[in-house]
Amino acid sequence: MSLLLTVNGQSREFAGLAAPLTLAEVIAAMNLKGDRIAVEHNGEIAPRARWAEVSVFTGDRLEIVHFVGGGNGGLAYAAAGLADV
């Protein structure tokens, strides 16, 4: 069994995981720090407070960005590092 998602425009297979999962479980499986990312699920922003309630199924689309502190005191936004997942 595996969960097939599109993450930041790329097909991703999560072997050993089966739907339905919560968005919080998918984020944990990707080893992402929840306090440093924003997630769009199927075209809608997913509020962090609801991640444990949002069901994720094969075929769903996620767009994930993480916040990076810059040297000028501002925040930069970058796509979540998918190569390390």
Protein backbone atom coordinates (compact mmCIF):
# COMPACT_ATOMS: atom_id res chain seq x y z
CA MET A 1 0.00 0.00 0.00
CA SER A 2 1.13 3.51 -0.66
CA LEU A 3 -0.23 7.02 -0.78
CA LEU A 4 0.23 8.92 -4.06
CA LEU A 5 0.21 12.72 -3.85
CA THR A 6 1.32 15.67 -5.94
CA VAL A 7 3.60 17.79 -3.76
CA ASN A 8 4.78 21.13 -5.15
CA GLY A 9 3.93 19.93 -8.65
CA GLN A 10 5.83 16.63 -8.38
CA SER A 11 4.31 13.17 -8.04
CA ARG A 12 5.31 11.59 -4.74
CA GLU A 13 4.72 8.10 -3.47
CA PHE A 14 4.65 7.51 0.26
CA ALA A 15 5.35 3.78 0.58
CA GLY A 16 3.83 2.09 3.58
CA LEU A 17 1.24 4.83 4.09
CA ALA A 18 -2.37 4.36 3.08
CA ALA A 19 -5.26 6.79 2.85
CA PRO A 20 -6.94 8.25 4.62
CA LEU A 21 -4.28 10.06 6.59
CA THR A 22 -4.46 13.46 8.16
CA LEU A 23 -2.47 16.36 6.83
CA ALA A 24 -0.57 16.37 10.14
CA GLU A 25 0.46 12.73 9.55
CA VAL A 26 1.66 13.48 5.99
CA ILE A 27 3.72 16.45 7.22
CA ALA A 28 5.26 14.26 9.94
CA ALA A 29 6.06 11.56 7.35
CA MET A 30 7.91 14.21 5.32
CA ASN A 31 9.95 15.18 8.41
CA LEU A 32 8.88 18.82 8.08
CA LYS A 33 8.68 21.18 11.05
CA GLY A 34 5.06 22.26 11.23
CA ASP A 35 5.82 25.60 12.85
CA ARG A 36 7.90 26.71 9.84
CA ILE A 37 5.65 25.81 6.91
CA ALA A 38 2.42 26.80 5.21
CA VAL A 39 0.33 24.25 3.34
CA GLU A 40 -2.20 24.49 0.54
CA HIS A 41 -4.34 21.35 0.17
CA ASN A 42 -6.21 20.92 -3.11
CA GLY A 43 -6.09 24.64 -3.83
CA GLU A 44 -7.12 25.87 -0.37
CA ILE A 45 -4.92 27.11 2.47
CA ALA A 46 -4.99 24.58 5.29
CA PRO A 47 -4.91 26.36 8.65
CA ARG A 48 -2.34 24.78 10.96
CA ALA A 49 -4.96 24.40 13.69
CA ARG A 50 -6.94 22.03 11.41
CA TRP A 51 -4.10 19.82 10.09
CA ALA A 52 -5.11 16.98 12.42
CA GLU A 53 -8.66 17.12 10.98
CA VAL A 54 -7.89 17.44 7.25
CA SER A 55 -8.04 14.06 5.47
CA VAL A 56 -5.56 13.38 2.68
CA PHE A 57 -6.29 10.83 -0.05
CA THR A 58 -4.41 9.45 -3.05
CA GLY A 59 -4.50 12.01 -5.85
CA ASP A 60 -4.59 15.06 -3.57
CA ARG A 61 -2.37 18.05 -4.29
CA LEU A 62 -0.21 19.80 -1.69
CA GLU A 63 1.76 22.98 -2.08
CA ILE A 64 4.19 23.44 0.80
CA VAL A 65 6.39 26.42 1.51
CA HIS A 66 8.67 26.97 4.45
CA PHE A 67 9.82 30.18 6.02
CA VAL A 68 13.51 30.99 5.96
CA GLY A 69 15.06 33.79 7.99
CA GLY A 70 17.10 36.13 5.84
CA GLY A 71 20.24 38.06 6.64
CA ASN A 72 18.39 41.35 6.24
CA GLY A 73 15.95 40.61 9.05
CA GLY A 74 13.12 39.68 6.67
CA LEU A 75 11.53 36.37 5.88
CA ALA A 76 11.98 34.53 2.62
CA TYR A 77 9.68 31.81 1.33
CA ALA A 78 10.94 28.68 -0.37
CA ALA A 79 9.42 25.45 -1.61
CA ALA A 80 9.80 22.72 1.00
CA GLY A 81 12.92 20.65 0.35
CA LEU A 82 11.50 17.65 -1.42
CA ALA A 83 14.80 16.02 -2.32
CA ASP A 84 15.38 15.15 1.34
CA VAL A 85 11.98 13.52 1.83
